[in-house]
Amino acid sequence: MNFRSKILLSAGKILLNVGLIGILSTLVGYFWLKSLTKEVTMIVLHDPIVIETNRSLYNPDDQVIEIYGNPMKNKVKVVVFNQSKIIHPKEDSSLALYPVDKQKGDNPLQWQTVKLVFVSVILLFIIDSVIGFYLMRFAKSSIRIS
C-alpha cells in the first residue's frame, strides 16, 4: 500500500463517518424541533387596555382573534420554545394565538423554513458520505492494481 492510497483511504473513511454521523444527528435535531411545532395564528397584539375593552364589548358573532390583536396570516406551523407565549383565548380555547412584534425583531421560526434547512443539510451530508465511499473504493482499487 503506497502513501497515496493510505491518504485516500483515510480521507474516505473520515468523510464517510462524518457524513453518516451528520445525517444521524441532523435527523435527531429534525425530530426534536418537529416535536416543538404548534399550529398557531400569528397576531400583532393589542395593548392590555384595548384587550380588556374588547373583551367587555365582545359578542359571540365577533371574531375572537380581533379581541387580542390583528391577525398577520392564516394558521402557520412555528417552532415554539416557550409554550407560555401562546395565548388560548377564554372566548374560544381551541384557538392558539402567537403574538409577534416584528419591530422588535420578534420573528418566530416557521416550520417550512426549518424543513428547508434540514433538507439542505441532509443533502450535504449525503454528498459527503458518497464522496467518502468512492474515495475509499478508489483507494482500495488502486491498491489492487499496484
Foldseek 3Di string as FASTA:
>chain_A
DDPVLVVLQVLLVVLQVVLVVQLVVLVVVLVVQVVQKDWAFEWAFDPPVQLVVLVVVDDLVDDPVVSGGHTDDHIFIFRDPDPVQWDQDPSHNVHTYHYADVVVVGDTHTPVVVVVVSVVSNVVSVVSNVSSVVSNVVSVVVVVVD
